[in-house]
Protein backbone atom coordinates (compact mmCIF):
# COMPACT_ATOMS: atom_id res chain seq x y z
CA MET A 1 83.16 -140.85 -23.69
CA ALA A 2 86.50 -139.03 -23.42
CA LEU A 3 88.31 -142.24 -24.36
CA SER A 4 86.07 -142.68 -27.40
CA ILE A 5 86.80 -139.11 -28.52
CA LEU A 6 90.55 -139.76 -28.16
CA ASP A 7 90.01 -142.91 -30.23
CA LEU A 8 88.31 -140.88 -32.95
CA VAL A 9 90.97 -138.15 -32.90
CA GLY A 10 93.71 -140.76 -33.14
CA ILE A 11 92.08 -142.33 -36.18
CA GLY A 12 91.23 -138.98 -37.75
CA ILE A 13 94.81 -137.74 -37.58
CA ILE A 14 96.07 -140.77 -39.51
CA GLY A 15 94.78 -139.39 -42.83
CA PRO A 16 96.46 -135.96 -42.56
CA PHE A 17 99.62 -137.61 -41.26
CA LEU A 18 99.89 -139.93 -44.25
CA GLY A 19 98.96 -137.04 -46.57
CA ILE A 20 101.85 -134.93 -45.24
CA VAL A 21 104.29 -137.86 -45.41
CA PHE A 22 103.47 -138.60 -49.06
CA GLY A 23 102.17 -135.29 -50.40
CA GLY A 24 103.51 -132.57 -48.13
CA VAL A 25 101.58 -129.67 -46.63
CA GLU A 26 99.70 -129.17 -49.93
CA SER A 27 97.64 -132.29 -49.19
CA LEU A 28 95.93 -130.49 -46.30
CA PRO A 29 93.03 -128.02 -46.65
CA THR A 30 94.23 -124.42 -47.10
CA THR A 31 92.16 -123.18 -44.17
CA VAL A 32 93.86 -125.66 -41.82
CA VAL A 33 97.34 -124.77 -43.14
CA ASP A 34 96.72 -121.04 -42.69
CA ALA A 35 95.08 -121.36 -39.30
CA LEU A 36 97.97 -123.41 -37.88
CA SER A 37 100.72 -121.62 -39.85
CA LEU A 38 101.97 -125.00 -41.12
CA LYS A 39 103.83 -123.42 -44.05
CA ASP A 40 106.41 -122.18 -41.56
CA TYR A 41 107.56 -125.78 -41.02
CA SER A 42 109.84 -127.81 -43.21
CA HIS A 43 108.54 -131.14 -44.51
CA SER A 44 110.62 -133.15 -42.04
CA GLY A 45 109.69 -130.82 -39.17
CA LEU A 46 106.00 -131.09 -39.97
CA VAL A 47 106.22 -134.89 -40.20
CA THR A 48 108.01 -134.96 -36.83
CA LEU A 49 105.38 -132.69 -35.25
CA MET A 50 102.56 -134.86 -36.56
CA ALA A 51 104.30 -138.03 -35.43
CA ILE A 52 104.79 -136.67 -31.90
CA THR A 53 101.18 -135.52 -31.80
CA LEU A 54 100.08 -138.99 -32.87
CA ILE A 55 102.23 -140.64 -30.16
CA VAL A 56 100.93 -138.29 -27.45
CA ILE A 57 97.28 -138.88 -28.39
CA TYR A 58 97.66 -142.67 -28.40
CA GLY A 59 99.76 -142.53 -25.24
CA ILE A 60 97.04 -140.63 -23.37
CA LYS A 61 94.41 -142.96 -24.79
CA SER A 62 96.38 -146.00 -23.60
CA VAL A 63 96.72 -144.65 -20.07
CA PHE A 64 93.02 -143.77 -19.85
CA GLY A 65 92.11 -147.13 -21.40
CA ALA A 66 94.19 -149.01 -18.80
CA ILE A 67 92.59 -147.05 -15.92
CA ILE A 68 89.09 -147.69 -17.24
CA MET A 69 89.87 -151.36 -17.85
CA LYS A 70 91.10 -151.77 -14.28
CA SER A 71 87.90 -150.18 -12.97
CA VAL A 72 85.76 -152.49 -15.09
CA ILE A 73 87.69 -155.58 -13.97
CA THR A 74 87.55 -154.57 -10.30
CA PHE A 75 83.82 -153.90 -10.50
CA SER A 76 83.05 -157.22 -12.22
CA GLN A 77 85.21 -159.20 -9.79
CA ASN A 78 83.54 -157.48 -6.86
CA GLN A 79 80.30 -158.88 -8.19
CA GLN A 80 81.67 -162.33 -7.36
CA VAL A 81 81.90 -161.40 -3.69
CA ARG A 82 78.42 -159.86 -3.67
CA ILE A 83 76.71 -162.72 -5.52
CA ARG A 84 78.51 -165.43 -3.50
CA LYS A 85 77.38 -163.72 -0.34
CA ASN A 86 73.82 -163.52 -1.62
CA LEU A 87 73.88 -167.12 -2.78
CA ILE A 88 75.10 -168.56 0.51
CA THR A 89 72.51 -166.39 2.27
CA SER A 90 69.87 -167.75 -0.08
CA TYR A 91 70.94 -171.35 0.55
CA GLN A 92 71.13 -170.86 4.31
CA ASN A 93 67.65 -169.34 4.41
CA MET A 94 66.16 -171.80 1.95
CA PRO A 95 63.43 -174.02 3.41
CA TYR A 96 64.90 -177.37 4.39
CA SER A 97 62.21 -179.14 2.41
CA LYS A 98 63.44 -177.40 -0.74
CA MET A 99 67.14 -177.73 0.12
CA ILE A 100 67.01 -181.54 0.16
CA GLN A 101 65.41 -181.69 -3.28
CA ARG A 102 68.75 -180.88 -4.92
CA ASN A 103 72.19 -182.44 -4.78
CA SER A 104 74.68 -180.45 -2.68
CA SER A 105 77.00 -180.39 -5.72
CA ASP A 106 74.53 -178.02 -7.42
CA TYR A 107 75.03 -175.46 -4.66
CA VAL A 108 78.81 -175.90 -4.65
CA ASN A 109 78.95 -175.56 -8.42
CA ALA A 110 76.83 -172.39 -8.37
CA ILE A 111 79.14 -170.65 -5.91
CA GLN A 112 82.42 -172.04 -7.25
CA MET A 113 81.91 -172.11 -11.02
CA MET A 114 78.78 -170.24 -12.07
CA VAL A 115 79.57 -167.00 -10.21
CA PRO A 116 82.94 -166.46 -12.03
CA THR A 117 81.16 -167.11 -15.34
CA TYR A 118 78.61 -164.44 -14.50
CA ALA A 119 81.29 -161.99 -13.31
CA ASN A 120 83.22 -162.43 -16.58
CA LEU A 121 80.00 -161.83 -18.51
CA VAL A 122 79.45 -158.56 -16.60
CA MET A 123 83.00 -157.49 -17.46
CA LEU A 124 82.46 -158.29 -21.16
CA CYS A 125 79.13 -156.43 -21.23
CA LEU A 126 80.65 -153.32 -19.63
CA GLN A 127 83.52 -153.42 -22.10
CA ALA A 128 81.08 -153.83 -24.97
CA LEU A 129 79.06 -150.85 -23.67
CA GLY A 130 82.16 -148.66 -23.60
CA ASP A 131 83.30 -149.96 -26.96
CA SER A 132 79.90 -149.22 -28.50
CA ILE A 133 80.43 -145.46 -27.94
CA ALA A 134 83.80 -145.61 -29.71
CA ALA A 135 82.32 -147.75 -32.48
CA ILE A 136 79.46 -145.32 -33.13
CA LEU A 137 81.84 -142.34 -33.34
CA ILE A 138 84.19 -144.23 -35.68
CA ILE A 139 81.30 -145.35 -37.91
CA VAL A 140 79.95 -141.80 -38.18
CA PHE A 141 83.43 -140.50 -38.99
CA LEU A 142 83.99 -143.15 -41.66
CA ALA A 143 80.60 -142.47 -43.22
CA TRP A 144 81.48 -138.76 -43.40
CA THR A 145 85.01 -139.43 -44.79
CA ASN A 146 83.93 -141.64 -47.70
CA PRO A 147 80.34 -142.89 -47.87
CA TYR A 148 81.08 -145.36 -50.71
CA ALA A 149 84.01 -147.02 -48.95
CA PHE A 150 82.04 -147.06 -45.73
CA GLY A 151 79.07 -148.75 -47.40
CA PHE A 152 81.32 -151.42 -48.86
CA LEU A 153 82.93 -152.11 -45.45
CA VAL A 154 79.54 -152.30 -43.71
CA ALA A 155 78.18 -154.71 -46.31
CA ILE A 156 80.99 -157.26 -46.07
CA THR A 157 81.12 -156.95 -42.27
CA ALA A 158 77.36 -157.53 -41.96
CA VAL A 159 77.55 -160.64 -44.12
CA GLY A 160 80.42 -162.02 -42.06
CA LEU A 161 78.76 -161.34 -38.68
CA ILE A 162 75.34 -162.67 -39.68
CA CYS A 163 76.83 -165.91 -41.01
CA PHE A 164 78.93 -166.33 -37.89
CA ASP A 165 75.98 -165.65 -35.59
CA LEU A 166 73.69 -168.11 -37.36
CA PHE A 167 76.43 -170.73 -37.14
CA VAL A 168 77.15 -170.45 -33.41
CA ARG A 169 73.85 -169.37 -31.83
CA LYS A 170 72.35 -172.72 -30.82
CA LYS A 171 75.72 -174.34 -30.30
CA MET A 172 76.70 -171.76 -27.66
CA THR A 173 73.44 -172.08 -25.72
CA ALA A 174 73.77 -175.87 -25.66
CA ALA A 175 77.45 -175.62 -24.65
CA GLY A 176 76.53 -173.41 -21.71
CA ARG A 177 73.97 -175.91 -20.47
CA HIS A 178 76.41 -178.81 -20.82
CA TYR A 179 79.09 -176.77 -19.04
CA ASN A 180 76.93 -176.27 -15.93
CA GLU A 181 75.63 -179.83 -15.85
CA SER A 182 79.11 -181.37 -16.24
CA ALA A 183 80.66 -178.95 -13.71
CA ALA A 184 78.10 -179.98 -11.10
CA ALA A 185 78.66 -183.63 -11.97
CA ILE A 186 82.42 -183.24 -11.48
CA VAL A 187 81.85 -181.86 -7.99
CA ARG A 188 79.41 -184.66 -7.21
CA HIS A 189 81.64 -187.48 -8.45
CA THR A 190 84.66 -186.02 -6.65
CA ASN A 191 82.78 -185.74 -3.34
CA GLU A 192 81.40 -189.26 -3.68
CA SER A 193 84.81 -190.72 -4.51
CA LEU A 194 86.42 -189.13 -1.46
CA ARG A 195 83.51 -189.54 0.96
CA GLY A 196 83.11 -193.23 0.12
CA PHE A 197 86.85 -193.92 -0.06
CA LYS A 198 86.86 -196.97 2.24
CA GLU A 199 83.76 -198.63 0.80
CA ILE A 200 84.92 -198.06 -2.77
CA ARG A 201 88.39 -199.41 -1.98
CA VAL A 202 87.09 -202.57 -0.32
CA LEU A 203 84.55 -203.25 -3.10
CA LYS A 204 87.18 -202.44 -5.76
CA GLN A 205 84.79 -200.10 -7.56
CA GLU A 206 87.28 -197.35 -8.29
CA HIS A 207 86.79 -197.79 -12.04
CA TYR A 208 83.13 -196.82 -11.92
CA PHE A 209 83.74 -193.56 -10.08
CA ASN A 210 86.84 -192.83 -12.13
CA THR A 211 84.93 -193.34 -15.38
CA SER A 212 82.02 -191.19 -14.16
CA LEU A 213 84.39 -188.35 -13.32
CA VAL A 214 86.30 -188.63 -16.59
CA ASN A 215 83.08 -188.62 -18.64
CA SER A 216 81.87 -185.46 -16.90
CA ALA A 217 85.31 -183.87 -17.25
CA SER A 218 85.30 -184.69 -20.98
CA THR A 219 81.95 -183.00 -21.44
CA PHE A 220 83.19 -180.01 -19.46
CA ALA A 221 86.36 -179.81 -21.58
CA ALA A 222 84.39 -180.09 -24.80
CA SER A 223 82.13 -177.21 -23.74
CA GLN A 224 85.16 -175.08 -22.82
CA SER A 225 86.88 -175.94 -26.10
CA LEU A 226 83.82 -174.90 -28.07
CA ILE A 227 83.49 -171.51 -26.39
CA ASN A 228 87.23 -170.84 -26.73
CA PHE A 229 87.16 -171.81 -30.41
CA PHE A 230 84.19 -169.58 -31.14
CA SER A 231 85.84 -166.78 -29.18
CA MET A 232 88.93 -166.93 -31.41
CA LEU A 233 87.05 -167.38 -34.69
CA PRO A 234 85.95 -163.73 -35.11
CA LYS A 235 89.63 -162.70 -35.23
CA TYR A 236 90.11 -164.58 -38.49
CA ILE A 237 86.75 -163.49 -39.88
CA PHE A 238 87.56 -159.82 -39.35
CA GLU A 239 91.05 -160.24 -40.75
CA MET A 240 89.45 -161.65 -43.90
CA ILE A 241 86.99 -158.75 -44.00
CA ILE A 242 89.87 -156.22 -43.92
CA ILE A 243 91.68 -158.03 -46.71
CA ILE A 244 88.52 -158.10 -48.81
CA PHE A 245 87.96 -154.41 -48.14
CA VAL A 246 91.52 -153.37 -49.07
CA ALA A 247 91.47 -155.62 -52.16
CA GLY A 248 88.09 -154.27 -53.24
CA MET A 249 89.11 -150.63 -52.74
CA SER A 250 92.34 -151.25 -54.66
CA ILE A 251 90.47 -152.79 -57.59
CA ALA A 252 88.01 -149.88 -57.59
CA ALA A 253 90.82 -147.35 -57.46
CA SER A 254 92.58 -148.93 -60.42
CA HIS A 255 89.46 -148.52 -62.57
CA MET A 256 87.98 -145.27 -61.29
CA VAL A 257 90.82 -143.02 -60.08
CA SER A 258 93.50 -141.52 -62.36
CA ASP A 259 96.02 -141.15 -59.51
CA PRO A 260 95.72 -144.02 -56.99
CA ILE A 261 98.17 -142.23 -54.63
CA THR A 262 95.34 -139.83 -53.74
CA LEU A 263 93.54 -142.73 -52.11
CA ILE A 264 96.37 -143.37 -49.63
CA PRO A 265 94.99 -141.06 -46.90
CA THR A 266 91.50 -142.58 -47.28
CA LEU A 267 92.86 -146.15 -47.19
CA GLY A 268 95.02 -145.17 -44.23
CA VAL A 269 92.07 -143.81 -42.28
CA PHE A 270 89.89 -146.81 -43.13
CA GLY A 271 92.77 -149.19 -42.48
CA MET A 272 93.45 -147.68 -39.08
CA ALA A 273 89.73 -147.57 -38.30
CA SER A 274 89.43 -151.19 -39.36
CA ILE A 275 92.35 -152.18 -37.14
CA ARG A 276 90.61 -150.41 -34.24
CA MET A 277 87.23 -151.87 -35.17
CA ILE A 278 88.54 -155.44 -35.26
CA PRO A 279 88.84 -155.75 -31.46
CA LEU A 280 85.60 -153.80 -31.04
CA ALA A 281 83.71 -156.07 -33.40
CA ARG A 282 85.38 -159.09 -31.87
CA SER A 283 84.35 -157.83 -28.42
CA PHE A 284 80.73 -157.50 -29.52
CA SER A 285 80.78 -160.93 -31.11
CA LEU A 286 82.44 -162.49 -28.07
CA THR A 287 79.98 -160.79 -25.71
CA LEU A 288 77.03 -162.02 -27.74
CA SER A 289 78.45 -165.54 -27.75
CA ARG A 290 79.13 -165.39 -24.01
CA VAL A 291 75.61 -164.17 -23.33
CA ARG A 292 74.23 -167.22 -25.07
CA TYR A 293 76.82 -169.46 -23.45
CA ALA A 294 76.03 -168.05 -20.00
CA LYS A 295 72.25 -168.06 -20.47
CA ASP A 296 71.81 -171.24 -18.47
CA THR A 297 74.16 -169.93 -15.75
CA VAL A 298 72.35 -166.60 -15.42
CA MET A 299 68.92 -168.28 -15.30
CA LYS A 300 70.02 -170.67 -12.54
CA LEU A 301 71.73 -167.97 -10.49
CA ALA A 302 68.70 -165.72 -10.86
CA SER A 303 66.47 -168.54 -9.67
CA ASP A 304 68.63 -169.22 -6.61
CA LEU A 305 69.00 -165.52 -5.77
CA GLU A 306 65.23 -165.10 -6.06
CA GLU A 307 64.97 -167.31 -2.97
CA ILE A 308 66.14 -164.37 -0.85
CA LYS A 309 63.28 -162.12 -2.01
CA HIS A 310 60.79 -164.97 -2.02
CA GLU A 311 61.60 -166.10 1.49
CA ALA A 312 61.61 -162.51 2.79
CA SER A 313 58.15 -161.90 1.36
CA SER A 314 56.67 -165.26 2.35
CA VAL A 315 57.75 -165.32 6.01
CA PRO A 316 54.63 -165.01 8.15
CA ALA A 317 54.33 -162.00 10.40
CA GLN A 318 56.22 -162.68 13.59
CA ASN A 319 54.52 -162.58 16.96
CA THR A 320 55.89 -159.41 18.51
CA SER A 321 54.55 -160.15 21.97
CA PHE A 322 57.79 -162.00 22.80
CA THR A 323 61.32 -162.38 21.51
CA PRO A 324 63.79 -165.26 21.62
CA ASP A 325 65.35 -163.69 24.71
CA THR A 326 62.15 -164.21 26.72
CA ILE A 327 62.70 -167.98 26.81
CA ASP A 328 65.81 -168.60 28.88
CA GLN A 329 64.79 -172.07 29.99
CA VAL A 330 62.54 -174.54 28.16
CA GLN A 331 59.94 -175.71 30.65
CA SER A 332 57.71 -177.52 28.17
CA ILE A 333 57.47 -178.44 24.51
CA LYS A 334 54.11 -179.40 23.07
CA LEU A 335 53.13 -180.65 19.63
CA HIS A 336 49.40 -180.32 18.83
CA ASN A 337 48.04 -182.38 15.91
CA ILE A 338 51.21 -181.96 13.84
CA SER A 339 51.01 -183.21 10.26
CA TYR A 340 53.55 -182.94 7.46
CA ARG A 341 53.67 -184.01 3.82
CA TYR A 342 56.78 -183.58 1.67
CA PRO A 343 56.32 -181.53 -1.53
CA GLY A 344 55.07 -183.78 -4.30
CA ALA A 345 54.52 -186.75 -1.97
CA LYS A 346 51.22 -188.63 -1.99
CA ILE A 347 51.55 -190.03 1.54
CA THR A 348 51.58 -187.93 4.72
CA ALA A 349 54.88 -188.40 6.57
CA LEU A 350 53.42 -187.27 9.91
CA ASN A 351 49.76 -187.61 10.76
CA LYS A 352 48.25 -185.58 13.60
CA ILE A 353 50.98 -186.14 16.16
CA SER A 354 50.47 -184.73 19.62
CA LEU A 355 53.21 -184.88 22.24
CA ALA A 356 53.97 -183.06 25.52
CA ILE A 357 57.53 -182.94 26.91
CA ASN A 358 58.37 -181.39 30.28
CA GLY A 359 61.60 -179.57 30.99
CA GLY A 360 64.34 -181.92 32.23
CA GLU A 361 62.50 -184.97 30.94
CA HIS A 362 64.21 -187.58 28.75
CA ILE A 363 61.93 -188.81 25.96
CA GLY A 364 62.73 -191.67 23.60
CA ILE A 365 61.05 -192.21 20.23
CA VAL A 366 61.63 -195.46 18.36
CA GLY A 367 60.50 -196.73 15.01
CA THR A 368 61.61 -198.60 11.94
CA SER A 369 63.20 -196.96 8.92
CA GLY A 370 60.66 -194.83 7.11
CA ALA A 371 58.34 -194.63 10.12
CA GLY A 372 58.76 -190.82 10.31
CA LYS A 373 61.41 -190.44 13.05
CA THR A 374 63.66 -188.03 11.12
CA THR A 375 60.66 -186.07 9.81
CA LEU A 376 59.42 -185.68 13.36
CA VAL A 377 62.83 -184.33 14.45
CA ASP A 378 63.04 -181.93 11.54
CA THR A 379 59.52 -180.67 12.21
CA LEU A 380 60.11 -180.29 15.93
CA LEU A 381 63.28 -178.30 15.18
CA GLY A 382 61.38 -176.05 12.78
CA LEU A 383 63.41 -177.16 9.76
CA LEU A 384 60.15 -178.37 8.22
CA THR A 385 57.07 -176.22 8.68
CA PRO A 386 54.06 -178.38 9.65
CA SER A 387 51.28 -178.70 7.10
CA GLU A 388 48.89 -178.64 10.03
CA GLY A 389 49.12 -178.23 13.78
CA GLN A 390 51.02 -176.12 16.24
CA ILE A 391 54.30 -176.26 18.17
CA GLN A 392 54.42 -174.58 21.57
CA VAL A 393 57.29 -173.78 23.93
CA ASN A 394 56.35 -172.76 27.45
CA GLY A 395 52.77 -172.40 26.22
CA LYS A 396 53.70 -169.95 23.42
CA ASP A 397 53.11 -170.75 19.75
CA ILE A 398 56.47 -170.89 17.93
CA THR A 399 55.33 -172.74 14.79
CA ASN A 400 56.36 -169.81 12.59
CA ASN A 401 59.15 -168.66 14.90
CA PRO A 402 61.40 -171.73 15.31
CA GLU A 403 64.39 -169.48 16.09
CA ILE A 404 62.93 -169.13 19.58
CA LEU A 405 63.46 -172.85 20.20
CA TRP A 406 66.83 -172.87 18.40
CA LYS A 407 68.18 -170.53 21.06
CA ASN A 408 67.86 -173.41 23.51
CA VAL A 409 68.49 -176.53 21.37
CA ALA A 410 71.54 -178.55 20.39
CA TYR A 411 71.17 -181.12 17.61
CA LEU A 412 73.26 -184.30 17.68
CA PRO A 413 72.87 -186.44 14.54
CA GLN A 414 74.50 -189.80 13.86
CA GLU A 415 77.32 -188.10 11.94
CA ILE A 416 78.50 -185.18 14.02
CA PHE A 417 79.48 -182.07 12.07
CA ILE A 418 83.21 -181.47 12.56
CA ILE A 419 85.13 -178.69 10.80
CA ASP A 420 88.79 -178.84 9.81
CA GLY A 421 89.95 -176.89 12.87
CA THR A 422 91.05 -177.28 16.46
CA VAL A 423 89.10 -178.91 19.31
CA ALA A 424 88.38 -175.44 20.67
CA GLN A 425 87.07 -174.20 17.32
CA ASN A 426 84.81 -177.26 17.01
CA ILE A 427 83.35 -176.81 20.47
CA ALA A 428 82.85 -173.06 20.03
CA LEU A 429 81.55 -173.63 16.52
CA GLY A 430 81.27 -170.46 14.46
CA ILE A 431 83.17 -168.31 17.00
CA ALA A 432 86.42 -166.71 15.79
CA LYS A 433 89.31 -168.33 17.65
CA ASP A 434 90.34 -165.03 19.23
CA ASP A 435 86.79 -164.52 20.53
CA ILE A 436 86.38 -167.92 22.21
CA ASP A 437 85.44 -167.61 25.87
CA GLN A 438 88.14 -169.70 27.59
CA LYS A 439 86.21 -170.01 30.85
CA GLN A 440 83.10 -171.20 29.04
CA LEU A 441 85.24 -173.54 26.92
CA LEU A 442 86.75 -175.25 29.97
CA TYR A 443 83.30 -175.52 31.53
CA ALA A 444 81.95 -177.21 28.39
CA VAL A 445 84.89 -179.63 28.29
CA SER A 446 84.36 -180.55 31.92
CA GLN A 447 80.59 -181.06 31.52
CA ALA A 448 81.10 -183.30 28.49
CA GLN A 449 83.82 -185.28 30.31
CA LEU A 450 86.33 -184.60 27.56
CA ASP A 451 89.25 -183.77 29.87
CA ALA A 452 91.00 -187.11 29.62
CA ALA A 453 90.62 -187.36 25.83
CA ILE A 454 91.97 -183.84 25.31
CA ALA A 455 94.91 -184.52 27.61
CA ASP A 456 96.00 -187.33 25.26
CA LEU A 457 96.01 -185.03 22.21
CA PRO A 458 99.41 -183.59 21.15
CA HIS A 459 98.29 -179.96 21.46
CA GLY A 460 95.32 -180.35 23.77
CA LEU A 461 92.43 -178.05 22.95
CA TYR A 462 94.42 -176.62 20.07
CA THR A 463 94.98 -179.91 18.24
CA ASN A 464 93.70 -179.74 14.67
CA LEU A 465 91.14 -182.52 14.13
CA GLY A 466 91.59 -182.80 10.35
CA GLU A 467 88.93 -182.95 7.69
CA ASP A 468 85.62 -184.19 9.11
CA GLY A 469 87.31 -185.03 12.42
CA ALA A 470 89.37 -187.88 10.96
CA LYS A 471 91.52 -187.96 14.13
CA LEU A 472 88.58 -188.61 16.49
CA SER A 473 86.89 -191.81 17.59
CA GLY A 474 83.10 -192.09 17.44
CA GLY A 475 82.75 -191.51 21.18
CA GLN A 476 85.00 -188.48 21.09
CA ARG A 477 82.94 -186.96 18.27
CA GLN A 478 79.78 -187.35 20.34
CA ARG A 479 81.43 -185.70 23.36
CA ILE A 480 82.62 -182.83 21.12
CA ALA A 481 78.95 -182.32 20.17
CA LEU A 482 77.88 -182.47 23.82
CA ALA A 483 80.60 -179.95 24.80
CA ARG A 484 79.32 -177.72 22.00
CA ALA A 485 75.85 -177.81 23.55
CA PHE A 486 77.22 -176.78 26.94
CA TYR A 487 79.40 -174.03 25.47
CA PHE A 488 76.32 -172.42 23.97
CA ASN A 489 74.23 -173.10 27.12
CA ARG A 490 71.68 -175.25 25.34
CA ASN A 491 69.22 -176.97 27.67
CA VAL A 492 67.46 -179.17 25.10
CA LEU A 493 69.38 -181.96 23.33
CA VAL A 494 67.86 -183.66 20.29
CA LEU A 495 69.68 -186.94 19.57
CA ASP A 496 68.92 -188.28 16.10
CA GLU A 497 70.43 -191.81 16.00
CA ALA A 498 73.35 -190.20 17.82
CA THR A 499 74.72 -193.41 19.37
CA SER A 500 73.69 -195.97 16.72
CA SER A 501 77.09 -195.97 15.03
CA LEU A 502 79.05 -196.44 18.28
CA ASP A 503 80.43 -199.69 19.61
CA ILE A 504 78.60 -201.23 22.59
CA GLU A 505 81.12 -200.07 25.20
CA THR A 506 81.24 -196.48 23.94
CA GLU A 507 77.48 -196.31 23.59
CA ALA A 508 77.12 -197.55 27.18
CA GLN A 509 79.46 -194.78 28.37
CA ILE A 510 77.46 -192.11 26.54
CA ILE A 511 74.17 -193.48 27.91
CA ASP A 512 75.54 -193.47 31.45
CA TYR A 513 76.61 -189.90 30.92
CA LEU A 514 73.16 -188.94 29.65
CA LYS A 515 71.60 -190.46 32.79
CA ASN A 516 73.56 -187.94 34.84
CA LEU A 517 71.89 -185.11 32.90
CA LYS A 518 68.38 -185.98 34.07
CA ALA A 519 66.46 -182.98 35.39
CA LYS A 520 69.29 -180.75 34.14
CA VAL A 521 68.76 -181.02 30.40
CA THR A 522 65.72 -181.99 28.33
CA ILE A 523 66.64 -184.82 25.94
CA ILE A 524 64.70 -186.11 22.96
CA SER A 525 66.26 -189.31 21.57
CA ILE A 526 65.21 -190.63 18.20
CA THR A 527 66.46 -194.12 17.35
CA HIS A 528 65.52 -197.56 16.10
CA ARG A 529 67.47 -199.27 18.91
CA ALA A 530 65.76 -199.75 22.28
CA LYS A 531 69.20 -200.22 23.91
CA SER A 532 70.00 -196.56 23.20
CA LEU A 533 67.05 -195.37 25.31
CA GLU A 534 67.95 -196.70 28.74
CA HIS A 535 68.30 -193.14 30.05
CA CYS A 536 64.77 -192.17 28.98
CA ASP A 537 61.82 -191.56 31.30
CA ARG A 538 59.36 -192.41 28.53
CA VAL A 539 59.70 -194.32 25.26
CA LEU A 540 57.18 -193.77 22.47
CA THR A 541 56.84 -195.65 19.20
CA ILE A 542 56.22 -194.02 15.84
CA LYS A 543 54.68 -196.06 13.03
CA ASN A 544 53.40 -194.87 9.68
CA GLY A 545 53.72 -191.26 10.81
CA GLN A 546 51.73 -191.71 14.01
CA LEU A 547 52.75 -192.06 17.65
CA GLN A 548 51.52 -195.33 19.19
């Protein structure tokens, strides 16, 4: 508000200043001259005083404006941190069944591209809110100064803005939608091109992925070009409005006023106000355009953020008779009539499966592709909530409290998750490097029989493994995952096709190692290869979602 008042004072003083420059002290009201004793000043002294006053006012306004602008920018950019945190929380807590319905590029694009778009929109809206106060004060002042000139300025401005808005409205909304779709596609095509590097190179299909990326990038660039063009357009529209206003006032003065010089203060005030109103009007126009442009972004972010509230309200009441800490050792896992159907699917993926696993037992489950092996693993792990049935650990129902089982489970898929970090960081996954328990780390390495492999690495435990563990063999990746399980003291291992991508010799070594874990660790192995289950006490077959 203070900044807006300074704006108004700065504009208001322009008229008296120009009046003194061209007409002397006589151009000012007598009451003002007498009250301020302005007749005691010479013409040059009075002009100097007014000029200094003008400079001081605009200087103070500039300083305050810069401080406020910095606060607005800092606030809007801090929104990026807050929303990114909320988004990743939303994605991490999202039901697995819902997570897999979207491409991972959508999530990456939301955090990487959509959030900055939203933060910039917040900044523009806050600026527009502050500018609106200044604009209202200036408009009231202009209406009081000369109602006829003000009416003329409002009329031509309204025509210009309405025409511009009708022209860009639908185009901006469509551009925003194309922006988000193409941005997600760029992420997707980039990931696919890099992830499938070897296959693409051997098949010589680089052109397809290159073309797909370029097409998406072209759409993205076209959307950006459109918003940038429409953002600049108001500048020229408002320049034209000012010219029309000055020309119209000049024509009117030549026909209606005997001494056109008397209009100089009025034209000066309106001219200065117009110069100040140009960025304000442009800011409003830009904000309105950005709101339409960002409509698709805001709707998608709001939908994703709503997951946090939705999940918090839909989580069933937890059984307070026990906590995750009460299960230190898994003695039994039982599945009672477990069924599951994916959202929108017509066929049940799992159909009334019952299974009892004793602690220390090694269980194998085989089946062809599509038989339900992975669904069974995901349901057992609590990633998918059963449509029917119950999961028990040590006789306690944990169907709606899978975290209780997670405290004791390590999951080993076919493709082991490796971060771009050291061996130590990958074993103690998620632990800050300075907080890694060295004694526990060495214990885990020993239990996973990684000693020899680590000794061959240039920096031992502190060798960086590269992106996705590019410096590791398949067997070493599996042993990293096993060491991870021992570091976190997990006594249940779920192997989901964990050895199917290994060569025969390496797979045999891993199987021999697993045999040594009998009675120490409960193992559930899911695979389509009977050879991978030599360490198992029992082997069950799943077919059409049922255990045979």
